[in-house]
């Protein structure tokens, strides 16, 4: 399992899936769930979802995209700008 995760973190395709698809989707899901919880009365947990988990996935996505661009530049391919 650790080998598969390490391979995912070092391949441009795996970083593409994580950085451009999964992490933004998780950020959107947590933002929607947090907003729903705030509107229905569970304000503390809703704010935690909005301010903590949404930000973790949003900034994690940006970090993974940056790692992917650096990896592609290191391999000599043209990264998407």
C-alpha atoms as a PDB file:
ATOM      1  CA  UNK A   1       0.000   0.000   0.000  1.00  0.00           C
ATOM      2  CA  UNK A   2       2.840   2.399   0.839  1.00  0.00           C
ATOM      3  CA  UNK A   3       4.490   1.654  -2.503  1.00  0.00           C
ATOM      4  CA  UNK A   4       1.283   2.523  -4.344  1.00  0.00           C
ATOM      5  CA  UNK A   5       0.928   5.813  -2.459  1.00  0.00           C
ATOM      6  CA  UNK A   6       4.568   6.727  -3.121  1.00  0.00           C
ATOM      7  CA  UNK A   7       4.109   5.918  -6.813  1.00  0.00           C
ATOM      8  CA  UNK A   8       1.004   8.116  -6.873  1.00  0.00           C
ATOM      9  CA  UNK A   9       2.907  11.022  -5.315  1.00  0.00           C
ATOM     10  CA  UNK A  10       5.776  10.804  -7.793  1.00  0.00           C
ATOM     11  CA  UNK A  11       3.902  10.373 -11.077  1.00  0.00           C
ATOM     12  CA  UNK A  12       2.481  13.344 -12.987  1.00  0.00           C
ATOM     13  CA  UNK A  13      -0.709  11.415 -13.747  1.00  0.00           C
ATOM     14  CA  UNK A  14      -1.390  10.682 -10.092  1.00  0.00           C
ATOM     15  CA  UNK A  15      -0.695  14.272  -9.114  1.00  0.00           C
ATOM     16  CA  UNK A  16      -3.030  15.420 -11.902  1.00  0.00           C
ATOM     17  CA  UNK A  17      -5.873  13.310 -10.531  1.00  0.00           C
ATOM     18  CA  UNK A  18      -5.282  14.465  -6.968  1.00  0.00           C
ATOM     19  CA  UNK A  19      -4.561  18.132  -7.685  1.00  0.00           C
ATOM     20  CA  UNK A  20      -7.092  18.869 -10.405  1.00  0.00           C
ATOM     21  CA  UNK A  21      -9.913  16.422  -9.619  1.00  0.00           C
ATOM     22  CA  UNK A  22     -10.133  14.866  -6.170  1.00  0.00           C
ATOM     23  CA  UNK A  23      -8.936  17.632  -3.838  1.00  0.00           C
ATOM     24  CA  UNK A  24     -11.063  20.369  -5.488  1.00  0.00           C
ATOM     25  CA  UNK A  25     -14.059  18.025  -5.417  1.00  0.00           C
ATOM     26  CA  UNK A  26     -13.515  17.330  -1.720  1.00  0.00           C
ATOM     27  CA  UNK A  27     -13.156  21.074  -1.058  1.00  0.00           C
ATOM     28  CA  UNK A  28     -16.456  21.721  -2.835  1.00  0.00           C
ATOM     29  CA  UNK A  29     -18.215  18.932  -0.947  1.00  0.00           C
ATOM     30  CA  UNK A  30     -16.951  20.139   2.428  1.00  0.00           C
ATOM     31  CA  UNK A  31     -17.856  23.751   1.590  1.00  0.00           C
ATOM     32  CA  UNK A  32     -21.396  22.730   0.669  1.00  0.00           C
ATOM     33  CA  UNK A  33     -21.763  20.555   3.736  1.00  0.00           C
ATOM     34  CA  UNK A  34     -20.376  23.294   5.989  1.00  0.00           C
ATOM     35  CA  UNK A  35     -22.741  25.878   4.519  1.00  0.00           C
ATOM     36  CA  UNK A  36     -25.676  23.495   4.943  1.00  0.00           C
ATOM     37  CA  UNK A  37     -24.739  22.878   8.568  1.00  0.00           C
ATOM     38  CA  UNK A  38     -24.441  26.610   9.287  1.00  0.00           C
ATOM     39  CA  UNK A  39     -27.836  27.277   7.712  1.00  0.00           C
ATOM     40  CA  UNK A  40     -29.547  24.438   9.590  1.00  0.00           C
ATOM     41  CA  UNK A  41     -28.278  25.470  13.011  1.00  0.00           C
ATOM     42  CA  UNK A  42     -25.098  23.512  13.658  1.00  0.00           C
ATOM     43  CA  UNK A  43     -22.957  26.622  13.422  1.00  0.00           C
ATOM     44  CA  UNK A  44     -19.774  25.498  15.192  1.00  0.00           C
ATOM     45  CA  UNK A  45     -19.278  22.284  13.230  1.00  0.00           C
ATOM     46  CA  UNK A  46     -20.316  24.011  10.002  1.00  0.00           C
ATOM     47  CA  UNK A  47     -17.725  26.725  10.522  1.00  0.00           C
ATOM     48  CA  UNK A  48     -15.090  24.103  11.303  1.00  0.00           C
ATOM     49  CA  UNK A  49     -15.888  22.382   8.013  1.00  0.00           C
ATOM     50  CA  UNK A  50     -15.810  25.681   6.132  1.00  0.00           C
ATOM     51  CA  UNK A  51     -12.699  27.120   7.726  1.00  0.00           C
ATOM     52  CA  UNK A  52     -10.557  24.040   8.283  1.00  0.00           C
ATOM     53  CA  UNK A  53     -11.326  21.126   5.982  1.00  0.00           C
ATOM     54  CA  UNK A  54     -12.269  23.187   2.934  1.00  0.00           C
ATOM     55  CA  UNK A  55      -9.043  25.172   3.236  1.00  0.00           C
ATOM     56  CA  UNK A  56      -6.953  22.025   3.709  1.00  0.00           C
ATOM     57  CA  UNK A  57      -8.249  20.542   0.468  1.00  0.00           C
ATOM     58  CA  UNK A  58      -8.077  23.845  -1.446  1.00  0.00           C
ATOM     59  CA  UNK A  59      -4.479  24.604  -0.479  1.00  0.00           C
ATOM     60  CA  UNK A  60      -3.538  20.932  -0.784  1.00  0.00           C
ATOM     61  CA  UNK A  61      -4.763  21.048  -4.364  1.00  0.00           C
ATOM     62  CA  UNK A  62      -2.616  24.094  -5.106  1.00  0.00           C
ATOM     63  CA  UNK A  63       0.416  22.419  -3.537  1.00  0.00           C
ATOM     64  CA  UNK A  64      -0.067  19.220  -5.561  1.00  0.00           C
ATOM     65  CA  UNK A  65      -0.426  21.194  -8.790  1.00  0.00           C
ATOM     66  CA  UNK A  66       2.831  22.991  -7.989  1.00  0.00           C
ATOM     67  CA  UNK A  67       4.591  19.698  -7.277  1.00  0.00           C
ATOM     68  CA  UNK A  68       3.292  18.325 -10.588  1.00  0.00           C
ATOM     69  CA  UNK A  69       4.553  21.353 -12.515  1.00  0.00           C
ATOM     70  CA  UNK A  70       7.975  21.050 -10.892  1.00  0.00           C
ATOM     71  CA  UNK A  71       8.076  17.325 -11.654  1.00  0.00           C
ATOM     72  CA  UNK A  72       7.186  17.922 -15.299  1.00  0.00           C
ATOM     73  CA  UNK A  73       9.796  20.674 -15.592  1.00  0.00           C
ATOM     74  CA  UNK A  74      12.377  18.351 -14.058  1.00  0.00           C
ATOM     75  CA  UNK A  75      11.539  15.639 -16.582  1.00  0.00           C
ATOM     76  CA  UNK A  76      11.998  18.119 -19.422  1.00  0.00           C
ATOM     77  CA  UNK A  77       8.379  18.244 -20.549  1.00  0.00           C
ATOM     78  CA  UNK A  78       6.517  21.503 -20.999  1.00  0.00           C
ATOM     79  CA  UNK A  79       4.274  22.099 -17.980  1.00  0.00           C
ATOM     80  CA  UNK A  80       0.860  23.608 -18.508  1.00  0.00           C
ATOM     81  CA  UNK A  81       0.916  27.279 -17.564  1.00  0.00           C
END
